[in-house]
N, C-alpha and C. Protein backbone atom coordinates (compact mmCIF):
# COMPACT_ATOMS: atom_id res chain seq x y z
N MET A 1 -33.24 4.19 6.70
CA MET A 1 -31.92 4.23 7.28
C MET A 1 -31.33 5.61 7.02
N ALA A 2 -30.87 6.28 8.07
CA ALA A 2 -30.27 7.60 7.94
C ALA A 2 -28.95 7.49 7.18
N LYS A 3 -28.59 8.59 6.51
CA LYS A 3 -27.37 8.58 5.70
C LYS A 3 -26.15 8.25 6.54
N SER A 4 -26.04 8.81 7.74
CA SER A 4 -24.88 8.54 8.59
C SER A 4 -24.84 7.07 9.01
N ASP A 5 -26.03 6.47 9.22
CA ASP A 5 -26.08 5.05 9.54
C ASP A 5 -25.56 4.22 8.37
N LYS A 6 -25.96 4.59 7.17
CA LYS A 6 -25.52 3.87 5.98
C LYS A 6 -24.00 3.98 5.82
N VAL A 7 -23.46 5.17 6.03
CA VAL A 7 -22.01 5.37 5.92
C VAL A 7 -21.29 4.54 6.99
N GLU A 8 -21.82 4.55 8.19
CA GLU A 8 -21.22 3.76 9.28
C GLU A 8 -21.24 2.27 8.95
N ILE A 9 -22.36 1.80 8.46
CA ILE A 9 -22.48 0.38 8.10
C ILE A 9 -21.54 0.05 6.94
N GLN A 10 -21.48 0.94 5.95
CA GLN A 10 -20.60 0.73 4.81
C GLN A 10 -19.14 0.66 5.26
N GLU A 11 -18.74 1.52 6.17
CA GLU A 11 -17.37 1.49 6.69
C GLU A 11 -17.11 0.18 7.44
N ARG A 12 -18.08 -0.27 8.22
CA ARG A 12 -17.93 -1.53 8.96
C ARG A 12 -17.83 -2.70 8.00
N VAL A 13 -18.68 -2.72 6.97
CA VAL A 13 -18.65 -3.80 5.97
C VAL A 13 -17.28 -3.81 5.28
N THR A 14 -16.79 -2.64 4.90
CA THR A 14 -15.49 -2.56 4.23
C THR A 14 -14.38 -3.07 5.13
N LYS A 15 -14.43 -2.71 6.41
CA LYS A 15 -13.39 -3.17 7.34
C LYS A 15 -13.44 -4.69 7.51
N VAL A 16 -14.63 -5.22 7.72
CA VAL A 16 -14.78 -6.67 7.88
C VAL A 16 -14.33 -7.39 6.61
N ALA A 17 -14.72 -6.86 5.46
CA ALA A 17 -14.34 -7.46 4.17
C ALA A 17 -12.82 -7.41 3.98
N MET A 18 -12.22 -6.28 4.34
CA MET A 18 -10.77 -6.17 4.20
C MET A 18 -10.06 -7.16 5.12
N ASP A 19 -10.54 -7.28 6.35
CA ASP A 19 -9.96 -8.26 7.28
C ASP A 19 -10.08 -9.68 6.72
N MET A 20 -11.25 -9.99 6.15
CA MET A 20 -11.45 -11.32 5.54
C MET A 20 -10.47 -11.53 4.39
N MET A 21 -10.32 -10.50 3.57
CA MET A 21 -9.45 -10.63 2.40
C MET A 21 -7.99 -10.77 2.81
N LEU A 22 -7.56 -10.00 3.79
CA LEU A 22 -6.18 -10.10 4.25
C LEU A 22 -5.91 -11.46 4.90
N LYS A 23 -6.92 -12.00 5.53
CA LYS A 23 -6.75 -13.29 6.21
C LYS A 23 -6.89 -14.48 5.25
N PHE A 24 -7.89 -14.42 4.35
CA PHE A 24 -8.21 -15.57 3.50
C PHE A 24 -7.94 -15.35 2.01
N GLY A 25 -7.55 -14.13 1.63
CA GLY A 25 -7.32 -13.82 0.23
C GLY A 25 -8.61 -13.40 -0.46
N LEU A 26 -8.46 -12.96 -1.70
CA LEU A 26 -9.61 -12.48 -2.48
C LEU A 26 -10.65 -13.58 -2.66
N LYS A 27 -10.20 -14.79 -2.92
CA LYS A 27 -11.14 -15.90 -3.12
C LYS A 27 -11.89 -16.24 -1.83
N GLY A 28 -11.32 -15.85 -0.69
CA GLY A 28 -11.97 -16.10 0.60
C GLY A 28 -12.98 -15.03 0.99
N LEU A 29 -13.13 -14.03 0.13
CA LEU A 29 -14.13 -12.98 0.39
C LEU A 29 -15.47 -13.47 -0.12
N ASN A 30 -16.20 -14.13 0.75
CA ASN A 30 -17.50 -14.72 0.44
C ASN A 30 -18.58 -13.75 0.89
N MET A 31 -19.45 -13.35 -0.03
CA MET A 31 -20.46 -12.34 0.27
C MET A 31 -21.50 -12.83 1.28
N VAL A 32 -21.84 -14.10 1.23
CA VAL A 32 -22.80 -14.64 2.20
C VAL A 32 -22.19 -14.59 3.60
N GLU A 33 -20.93 -15.00 3.70
CA GLU A 33 -20.23 -14.96 4.99
C GLU A 33 -20.05 -13.52 5.46
N LEU A 34 -19.75 -12.62 4.54
CA LEU A 34 -19.59 -11.21 4.89
C LEU A 34 -20.90 -10.65 5.45
N ALA A 35 -22.00 -10.94 4.78
CA ALA A 35 -23.30 -10.47 5.26
C ALA A 35 -23.57 -11.00 6.66
N ARG A 36 -23.28 -12.29 6.87
CA ARG A 36 -23.50 -12.90 8.19
C ARG A 36 -22.62 -12.23 9.25
N GLU A 37 -21.34 -12.03 8.92
CA GLU A 37 -20.41 -11.38 9.86
C GLU A 37 -20.85 -9.97 10.24
N CYS A 38 -21.48 -9.30 9.30
CA CYS A 38 -21.91 -7.91 9.52
C CYS A 38 -23.34 -7.82 10.06
N GLY A 39 -24.02 -8.97 10.19
CA GLY A 39 -25.38 -8.97 10.71
C GLY A 39 -26.38 -8.40 9.72
N LEU A 40 -26.14 -8.61 8.44
CA LEU A 40 -27.00 -8.07 7.39
C LEU A 40 -27.55 -9.19 6.52
N ALA A 41 -28.69 -8.93 5.92
CA ALA A 41 -29.19 -9.83 4.89
C ALA A 41 -28.34 -9.59 3.63
N LYS A 42 -28.19 -10.62 2.82
CA LYS A 42 -27.36 -10.49 1.61
C LYS A 42 -27.87 -9.36 0.71
N ALA A 43 -29.19 -9.24 0.56
CA ALA A 43 -29.76 -8.17 -0.28
C ALA A 43 -29.40 -6.79 0.29
N THR A 44 -29.45 -6.66 1.60
CA THR A 44 -29.10 -5.40 2.25
C THR A 44 -27.63 -5.09 2.03
N LEU A 45 -26.79 -6.11 2.13
CA LEU A 45 -25.36 -5.94 1.89
C LEU A 45 -25.12 -5.34 0.51
N TYR A 46 -25.75 -5.91 -0.51
CA TYR A 46 -25.55 -5.42 -1.87
C TYR A 46 -26.11 -4.01 -2.06
N LYS A 47 -27.17 -3.65 -1.34
CA LYS A 47 -27.68 -2.28 -1.41
C LYS A 47 -26.65 -1.30 -0.86
N ILE A 48 -25.92 -1.75 0.13
CA ILE A 48 -24.94 -0.88 0.79
C ILE A 48 -23.65 -0.77 -0.02
N ILE A 49 -23.18 -1.90 -0.56
CA ILE A 49 -21.87 -1.90 -1.22
C ILE A 49 -21.92 -1.83 -2.73
N GLY A 50 -23.05 -2.08 -3.32
CA GLY A 50 -23.12 -2.18 -4.77
C GLY A 50 -22.71 -3.57 -5.19
N THR A 51 -21.75 -3.66 -6.09
CA THR A 51 -21.28 -4.97 -6.54
C THR A 51 -20.06 -5.42 -5.73
N LYS A 52 -19.70 -6.67 -5.91
CA LYS A 52 -18.48 -7.16 -5.25
C LYS A 52 -17.27 -6.37 -5.75
N GLU A 53 -17.26 -6.04 -7.04
CA GLU A 53 -16.14 -5.25 -7.57
C GLU A 53 -16.08 -3.87 -6.91
N ASP A 54 -17.23 -3.26 -6.65
CA ASP A 54 -17.25 -1.97 -5.95
C ASP A 54 -16.62 -2.11 -4.57
N LEU A 55 -16.96 -3.19 -3.88
CA LEU A 55 -16.41 -3.44 -2.55
C LEU A 55 -14.90 -3.67 -2.64
N VAL A 56 -14.47 -4.47 -3.60
CA VAL A 56 -13.04 -4.75 -3.76
C VAL A 56 -12.29 -3.46 -4.08
N ARG A 57 -12.88 -2.58 -4.88
CA ARG A 57 -12.25 -1.29 -5.18
C ARG A 57 -12.09 -0.47 -3.89
N GLU A 58 -13.13 -0.45 -3.06
CA GLU A 58 -13.04 0.25 -1.78
C GLU A 58 -11.93 -0.32 -0.91
N ILE A 59 -11.84 -1.64 -0.89
CA ILE A 59 -10.80 -2.31 -0.11
C ILE A 59 -9.42 -1.96 -0.66
N ALA A 60 -9.28 -1.96 -1.99
CA ALA A 60 -7.99 -1.61 -2.60
C ALA A 60 -7.58 -0.20 -2.20
N PHE A 61 -8.53 0.74 -2.25
CA PHE A 61 -8.21 2.11 -1.84
C PHE A 61 -7.88 2.17 -0.35
N GLU A 62 -8.58 1.39 0.46
CA GLU A 62 -8.29 1.37 1.90
C GLU A 62 -6.90 0.79 2.16
N ILE A 63 -6.56 -0.30 1.49
CA ILE A 63 -5.22 -0.86 1.63
C ILE A 63 -4.19 0.18 1.20
N PHE A 64 -4.44 0.84 0.09
CA PHE A 64 -3.54 1.88 -0.38
C PHE A 64 -3.41 2.98 0.67
N ASN A 65 -4.54 3.46 1.19
CA ASN A 65 -4.51 4.53 2.18
C ASN A 65 -3.75 4.12 3.43
N VAL A 66 -4.04 2.94 3.92
CA VAL A 66 -3.38 2.47 5.15
C VAL A 66 -1.90 2.26 4.89
N ASN A 67 -1.58 1.65 3.76
CA ASN A 67 -0.19 1.32 3.49
C ASN A 67 0.61 2.50 2.95
N MET A 68 0.27 2.96 1.78
CA MET A 68 1.12 3.91 1.08
C MET A 68 1.08 5.31 1.68
N ILE A 69 -0.09 5.83 1.91
CA ILE A 69 -0.15 7.20 2.42
C ILE A 69 0.49 7.29 3.80
N LYS A 70 0.20 6.32 4.65
CA LYS A 70 0.78 6.35 5.99
C LYS A 70 2.29 6.15 5.97
N ILE A 71 2.77 5.21 5.17
CA ILE A 71 4.21 4.96 5.19
C ILE A 71 5.01 6.05 4.48
N LEU A 72 4.36 6.80 3.59
CA LEU A 72 5.07 7.89 2.93
C LEU A 72 5.01 9.19 3.73
N GLU A 73 4.27 9.20 4.81
CA GLU A 73 4.14 10.38 5.65
C GLU A 73 5.48 10.96 6.10
N PRO A 74 6.48 10.15 6.46
CA PRO A 74 7.76 10.74 6.89
C PRO A 74 8.37 11.69 5.85
N TYR A 75 8.09 11.46 4.58
CA TYR A 75 8.64 12.34 3.55
C TYR A 75 7.94 13.70 3.53
N LYS A 76 6.78 13.77 4.13
CA LYS A 76 6.05 15.03 4.19
C LYS A 76 6.40 15.82 5.45
N SER A 77 6.82 15.11 6.49
CA SER A 77 6.98 15.77 7.78
C SER A 77 8.41 15.82 8.31
N ASN A 78 9.37 15.22 7.62
CA ASN A 78 10.72 15.14 8.14
C ASN A 78 11.70 15.65 7.09
N ASN A 79 12.61 16.52 7.49
CA ASN A 79 13.58 17.08 6.55
C ASN A 79 14.95 16.43 6.64
N ASP A 80 15.07 15.38 7.40
CA ASP A 80 16.33 14.64 7.50
C ASP A 80 16.20 13.37 6.66
N PRO A 81 17.01 13.24 5.59
CA PRO A 81 16.85 12.07 4.71
C PRO A 81 17.02 10.74 5.42
N ALA A 82 17.97 10.66 6.35
CA ALA A 82 18.20 9.39 7.04
C ALA A 82 17.02 9.03 7.94
N LYS A 83 16.52 10.01 8.68
CA LYS A 83 15.39 9.74 9.58
C LYS A 83 14.12 9.42 8.80
N ALA A 84 13.83 10.22 7.78
CA ALA A 84 12.61 9.99 6.99
C ALA A 84 12.66 8.63 6.31
N THR A 85 13.80 8.30 5.73
CA THR A 85 13.92 7.04 5.00
C THR A 85 13.88 5.86 5.96
N GLN A 86 14.53 5.98 7.12
CA GLN A 86 14.50 4.90 8.10
C GLN A 86 13.08 4.68 8.62
N GLU A 87 12.36 5.78 8.88
CA GLU A 87 10.97 5.66 9.35
C GLU A 87 10.10 5.01 8.27
N PHE A 88 10.30 5.41 7.01
CA PHE A 88 9.58 4.78 5.91
C PHE A 88 9.86 3.28 5.89
N LEU A 89 11.13 2.90 5.93
CA LEU A 89 11.48 1.47 5.89
C LEU A 89 10.88 0.70 7.05
N ASP A 90 11.00 1.26 8.26
CA ASP A 90 10.44 0.59 9.45
C ASP A 90 8.94 0.37 9.29
N ASN A 91 8.24 1.41 8.85
CA ASN A 91 6.79 1.31 8.67
C ASN A 91 6.44 0.32 7.57
N TYR A 92 7.10 0.44 6.44
CA TYR A 92 6.76 -0.41 5.30
C TYR A 92 7.03 -1.87 5.61
N LEU A 93 8.18 -2.16 6.14
CA LEU A 93 8.54 -3.55 6.39
C LEU A 93 7.78 -4.13 7.59
N SER A 94 7.23 -3.27 8.43
CA SER A 94 6.49 -3.76 9.60
C SER A 94 5.06 -4.17 9.26
N TYR A 95 4.41 -3.41 8.38
CA TYR A 95 2.99 -3.73 8.20
C TYR A 95 2.43 -3.62 6.79
N ALA A 96 3.19 -3.18 5.84
CA ALA A 96 2.60 -2.95 4.52
C ALA A 96 2.72 -4.13 3.56
N ILE A 97 3.54 -5.10 3.88
CA ILE A 97 3.80 -6.19 2.95
C ILE A 97 2.54 -7.01 2.67
N ALA A 98 1.81 -7.40 3.69
CA ALA A 98 0.61 -8.24 3.49
C ALA A 98 -0.39 -7.53 2.59
N GLY A 99 -0.61 -6.26 2.82
CA GLY A 99 -1.54 -5.50 1.99
C GLY A 99 -1.07 -5.40 0.55
N GLN A 100 0.23 -5.17 0.36
CA GLN A 100 0.79 -5.10 -0.99
C GLN A 100 0.62 -6.42 -1.73
N LYS A 101 0.82 -7.52 -1.02
CA LYS A 101 0.67 -8.84 -1.66
C LYS A 101 -0.78 -9.04 -2.11
N VAL A 102 -1.74 -8.67 -1.27
CA VAL A 102 -3.14 -8.82 -1.65
C VAL A 102 -3.46 -7.94 -2.86
N LEU A 103 -2.98 -6.68 -2.82
CA LEU A 103 -3.24 -5.77 -3.95
C LEU A 103 -2.66 -6.33 -5.25
N ILE A 104 -1.38 -6.64 -5.24
CA ILE A 104 -0.69 -6.98 -6.48
C ILE A 104 -0.98 -8.41 -6.93
N GLN A 105 -0.91 -9.36 -6.01
CA GLN A 105 -1.07 -10.76 -6.40
C GLN A 105 -2.50 -11.18 -6.63
N GLN A 106 -3.45 -10.49 -6.00
CA GLN A 106 -4.84 -10.94 -6.10
C GLN A 106 -5.76 -9.91 -6.75
N ILE A 107 -5.90 -8.77 -6.13
CA ILE A 107 -6.87 -7.78 -6.61
C ILE A 107 -6.55 -7.34 -8.03
N TYR A 108 -5.30 -6.95 -8.28
CA TYR A 108 -4.95 -6.43 -9.60
C TYR A 108 -5.07 -7.50 -10.68
N LYS A 109 -4.83 -8.74 -10.34
CA LYS A 109 -4.96 -9.81 -11.34
C LYS A 109 -6.43 -10.06 -11.69
N GLU A 110 -7.29 -9.99 -10.69
CA GLU A 110 -8.71 -10.25 -10.91
C GLU A 110 -9.45 -9.02 -11.46
N TYR A 111 -9.01 -7.85 -11.02
CA TYR A 111 -9.68 -6.60 -11.40
C TYR A 111 -8.65 -5.58 -11.90
N PRO A 112 -8.18 -5.71 -13.13
CA PRO A 112 -7.12 -4.82 -13.63
C PRO A 112 -7.49 -3.34 -13.66
N LEU A 113 -8.75 -3.01 -13.78
CA LEU A 113 -9.14 -1.60 -13.79
C LEU A 113 -8.95 -0.96 -12.41
N ILE A 114 -9.03 -1.76 -11.37
CA ILE A 114 -8.79 -1.24 -10.02
C ILE A 114 -7.32 -0.82 -9.90
N GLU A 115 -6.42 -1.58 -10.50
CA GLU A 115 -4.99 -1.21 -10.47
C GLU A 115 -4.80 0.18 -11.07
N LYS A 116 -5.47 0.44 -12.18
CA LYS A 116 -5.35 1.74 -12.83
C LYS A 116 -5.83 2.86 -11.89
N ASP A 117 -6.96 2.63 -11.21
CA ASP A 117 -7.49 3.63 -10.29
C ASP A 117 -6.53 3.90 -9.13
N VAL A 118 -5.99 2.84 -8.56
CA VAL A 118 -5.07 2.98 -7.43
C VAL A 118 -3.77 3.63 -7.90
N ASP A 119 -3.28 3.25 -9.07
CA ASP A 119 -2.04 3.82 -9.59
C ASP A 119 -2.11 5.33 -9.74
N GLU A 120 -3.28 5.84 -10.10
CA GLU A 120 -3.43 7.30 -10.21
C GLU A 120 -3.20 7.97 -8.86
N LYS A 121 -3.73 7.38 -7.80
CA LYS A 121 -3.49 7.93 -6.46
C LYS A 121 -2.04 7.76 -6.06
N TYR A 122 -1.44 6.62 -6.44
CA TYR A 122 -0.05 6.34 -6.09
C TYR A 122 0.88 7.37 -6.74
N GLU A 123 0.61 7.73 -7.98
CA GLU A 123 1.46 8.70 -8.67
C GLU A 123 1.50 10.03 -7.91
N ASP A 124 0.37 10.46 -7.39
CA ASP A 124 0.35 11.70 -6.61
C ASP A 124 1.26 11.60 -5.39
N GLU A 125 1.21 10.47 -4.72
CA GLU A 125 2.01 10.29 -3.51
C GLU A 125 3.50 10.13 -3.83
N ILE A 126 3.84 9.36 -4.85
CA ILE A 126 5.25 9.13 -5.16
C ILE A 126 5.91 10.39 -5.67
N ASN A 127 5.15 11.29 -6.28
CA ASN A 127 5.71 12.56 -6.71
C ASN A 127 6.21 13.39 -5.53
N ILE A 128 5.57 13.25 -4.39
CA ILE A 128 6.04 13.93 -3.17
C ILE A 128 7.40 13.38 -2.78
N VAL A 129 7.57 12.07 -2.89
CA VAL A 129 8.85 11.44 -2.54
C VAL A 129 9.94 11.90 -3.52
N TYR A 130 9.64 11.88 -4.82
CA TYR A 130 10.61 12.38 -5.81
C TYR A 130 11.06 13.80 -5.45
N ALA A 131 10.08 14.64 -5.16
CA ALA A 131 10.39 16.04 -4.86
C ALA A 131 11.26 16.16 -3.61
N LYS A 132 10.99 15.35 -2.60
CA LYS A 132 11.75 15.42 -1.36
C LYS A 132 13.20 14.98 -1.59
N TYR A 133 13.39 13.87 -2.30
CA TYR A 133 14.76 13.42 -2.56
C TYR A 133 15.51 14.42 -3.45
N THR A 134 14.83 15.02 -4.40
CA THR A 134 15.46 16.02 -5.25
C THR A 134 15.86 17.24 -4.42
N GLU A 135 14.99 17.63 -3.51
CA GLU A 135 15.30 18.75 -2.60
C GLU A 135 16.53 18.41 -1.76
N TRP A 136 16.58 17.20 -1.21
CA TRP A 136 17.73 16.80 -0.40
C TRP A 136 19.00 16.77 -1.23
N GLN A 137 18.87 16.35 -2.48
CA GLN A 137 20.03 16.32 -3.37
C GLN A 137 20.52 17.75 -3.62
N GLU A 138 19.61 18.66 -3.88
CA GLU A 138 19.98 20.06 -4.11
C GLU A 138 20.63 20.68 -2.88
N GLN A 139 20.24 20.21 -1.69
CA GLN A 139 20.81 20.71 -0.44
C GLN A 139 22.13 20.02 -0.09
N GLY A 140 22.53 19.05 -0.90
CA GLY A 140 23.77 18.33 -0.63
C GLY A 140 23.65 17.28 0.46
N LEU A 141 22.42 16.87 0.78
CA LEU A 141 22.22 15.89 1.84
C LEU A 141 22.31 14.44 1.34
N ILE A 142 22.18 14.26 0.03
CA ILE A 142 22.40 12.94 -0.57
C ILE A 142 23.33 13.14 -1.77
N ARG A 143 23.80 12.03 -2.32
CA ARG A 143 24.79 12.09 -3.39
C ARG A 143 24.30 12.96 -4.56
N GLN A 144 25.23 13.73 -5.09
CA GLN A 144 24.94 14.62 -6.20
C GLN A 144 25.02 13.91 -7.55
N ASP A 145 25.76 12.80 -7.59
CA ASP A 145 26.04 12.14 -8.86
C ASP A 145 25.05 11.03 -9.22
N ILE A 146 23.88 11.02 -8.58
CA ILE A 146 22.88 10.00 -8.89
C ILE A 146 21.66 10.65 -9.54
N ASN A 147 20.89 9.85 -10.21
CA ASN A 147 19.62 10.31 -10.75
C ASN A 147 18.53 9.81 -9.80
N VAL A 148 17.94 10.73 -9.06
CA VAL A 148 16.95 10.38 -8.05
C VAL A 148 15.80 9.58 -8.65
N GLU A 149 15.31 10.00 -9.80
CA GLU A 149 14.18 9.30 -10.41
C GLU A 149 14.54 7.84 -10.72
N TYR A 150 15.74 7.60 -11.24
CA TYR A 150 16.16 6.23 -11.54
C TYR A 150 16.25 5.39 -10.27
N CYS A 151 16.76 5.99 -9.20
CA CYS A 151 16.89 5.25 -7.94
C CYS A 151 15.53 4.86 -7.39
N ILE A 152 14.59 5.77 -7.42
CA ILE A 152 13.25 5.46 -6.91
C ILE A 152 12.57 4.45 -7.82
N ASP A 153 12.77 4.58 -9.12
CA ASP A 153 12.24 3.57 -10.05
C ASP A 153 12.81 2.19 -9.72
N ALA A 154 14.09 2.13 -9.41
CA ALA A 154 14.73 0.86 -9.07
C ALA A 154 14.14 0.29 -7.77
N LEU A 155 13.90 1.15 -6.79
CA LEU A 155 13.28 0.69 -5.54
C LEU A 155 11.88 0.15 -5.80
N GLU A 156 11.11 0.84 -6.63
CA GLU A 156 9.77 0.36 -6.98
C GLU A 156 9.84 -0.99 -7.69
N SER A 157 10.81 -1.14 -8.58
CA SER A 157 10.95 -2.40 -9.31
C SER A 157 11.36 -3.54 -8.38
N LEU A 158 12.27 -3.25 -7.46
CA LEU A 158 12.65 -4.27 -6.47
C LEU A 158 11.43 -4.69 -5.65
N ASN A 159 10.64 -3.71 -5.26
CA ASN A 159 9.43 -4.00 -4.51
C ASN A 159 8.51 -4.91 -5.32
N ASP A 160 8.27 -4.55 -6.57
CA ASP A 160 7.38 -5.35 -7.42
C ASP A 160 7.89 -6.78 -7.58
N ILE A 161 9.19 -6.92 -7.75
CA ILE A 161 9.77 -8.26 -7.92
C ILE A 161 9.49 -9.12 -6.70
N TYR A 162 9.80 -8.61 -5.52
CA TYR A 162 9.66 -9.44 -4.32
C TYR A 162 8.21 -9.62 -3.89
N ILE A 163 7.37 -8.63 -4.12
CA ILE A 163 5.96 -8.75 -3.75
C ILE A 163 5.25 -9.76 -4.65
N THR A 164 5.60 -9.79 -5.94
CA THR A 164 4.90 -10.68 -6.86
C THR A 164 5.39 -12.12 -6.79
N ARG A 165 6.54 -12.33 -6.23
CA ARG A 165 7.03 -13.70 -6.07
C ARG A 165 6.27 -14.34 -4.91
N HIS A 166 6.28 -15.62 -4.87
CA HIS A 166 5.52 -16.32 -3.83
C HIS A 166 6.39 -16.70 -2.65
N TYR A 167 7.15 -15.72 -2.16
CA TYR A 167 7.93 -15.91 -0.94
C TYR A 167 6.99 -15.76 0.25
N SER A 168 7.39 -16.34 1.36
CA SER A 168 6.64 -16.10 2.59
C SER A 168 6.75 -14.62 2.92
N GLU A 169 5.88 -14.15 3.78
CA GLU A 169 5.94 -12.74 4.18
C GLU A 169 7.29 -12.42 4.81
N GLU A 170 7.78 -13.32 5.64
CA GLU A 170 9.07 -13.10 6.30
C GLU A 170 10.21 -13.01 5.28
N GLU A 171 10.22 -13.92 4.31
CA GLU A 171 11.26 -13.90 3.29
C GLU A 171 11.15 -12.66 2.42
N THR A 172 9.93 -12.25 2.09
CA THR A 172 9.73 -11.02 1.32
C THR A 172 10.32 -9.84 2.07
N ILE A 173 10.03 -9.75 3.36
CA ILE A 173 10.54 -8.64 4.18
C ILE A 173 12.06 -8.67 4.22
N ASN A 174 12.65 -9.85 4.43
CA ASN A 174 14.12 -9.95 4.49
C ASN A 174 14.76 -9.51 3.17
N ARG A 175 14.20 -9.95 2.06
CA ARG A 175 14.76 -9.59 0.76
C ARG A 175 14.58 -8.09 0.47
N LEU A 176 13.40 -7.56 0.78
CA LEU A 176 13.19 -6.13 0.57
C LEU A 176 14.09 -5.30 1.47
N ARG A 177 14.24 -5.70 2.72
CA ARG A 177 15.09 -4.96 3.64
C ARG A 177 16.51 -4.87 3.08
N ALA A 178 17.05 -6.00 2.66
CA ALA A 178 18.42 -6.02 2.14
C ALA A 178 18.54 -5.20 0.86
N ALA A 179 17.60 -5.37 -0.06
CA ALA A 179 17.66 -4.65 -1.33
C ALA A 179 17.47 -3.15 -1.14
N PHE A 180 16.49 -2.76 -0.33
CA PHE A 180 16.24 -1.33 -0.09
C PHE A 180 17.44 -0.69 0.60
N ARG A 181 18.00 -1.36 1.62
CA ARG A 181 19.15 -0.80 2.33
C ARG A 181 20.31 -0.56 1.38
N CYS A 182 20.56 -1.52 0.51
CA CYS A 182 21.66 -1.40 -0.45
C CYS A 182 21.45 -0.18 -1.35
N MET A 183 20.26 -0.06 -1.92
CA MET A 183 19.96 1.06 -2.82
C MET A 183 20.03 2.39 -2.08
N ILE A 184 19.42 2.46 -0.92
CA ILE A 184 19.34 3.72 -0.18
C ILE A 184 20.72 4.16 0.30
N MET A 185 21.49 3.22 0.79
CA MET A 185 22.85 3.58 1.22
C MET A 185 23.69 4.00 0.01
N GLY A 186 23.43 3.41 -1.14
CA GLY A 186 24.11 3.81 -2.37
C GLY A 186 23.75 5.24 -2.78
N MET A 187 22.61 5.71 -2.34
CA MET A 187 22.19 7.09 -2.61
C MET A 187 22.89 8.07 -1.65
N GLY A 188 23.64 7.51 -0.70
CA GLY A 188 24.35 8.36 0.26
C GLY A 188 23.54 8.67 1.49
N ILE A 189 22.57 7.82 1.79
CA ILE A 189 21.73 8.03 2.97
C ILE A 189 22.13 6.97 4.01
N PRO A 190 22.73 7.42 5.12
CA PRO A 190 23.14 6.45 6.15
C PRO A 190 21.93 5.91 6.90
N LEU A 191 21.88 4.61 7.06
CA LEU A 191 20.80 3.96 7.79
C LEU A 191 21.38 3.26 9.00
N LYS A 192 20.53 3.09 10.02
CA LYS A 192 21.00 2.37 11.21
C LYS A 192 20.93 0.88 11.00
């Protein structure tokens, strides 16, 4: 098997596995079913992915990449605090909740070392957000009398609270929307 074929198959296996996990949860990620869905023998599947934990780590990074990196993109490309924050909220509340629930409620509980690996990548991304809000504060675009780091910490904590509770996805989104809007508007950022 050529290296590019192996990479292509590995990417397909990861995508199918991630879809299975998002649909059925971590416990629903059955390796026999995954091999069948991908048209592979079980032994071939393990040659491609390594262990189930290796596959789950890949899925965790993929969920992180799809969710966090994409939704934080407005902070890298937009210099208007209201527009960047609104775009972040729209993106996050539209599609990132299901992935966050799988990461926090399932993957991190079963594989705590994966949380550590993902958190290292998360710190790099959140530092960009800290820097952007600090820049906006220095420019007078958001309130001067707040501590940006504390506000972002509070937003992260609100996220963790609602994601780890067993609310429906719709209820989680409603609670996060209300809590985030309150905090962000308190920072002096007008939202629509």
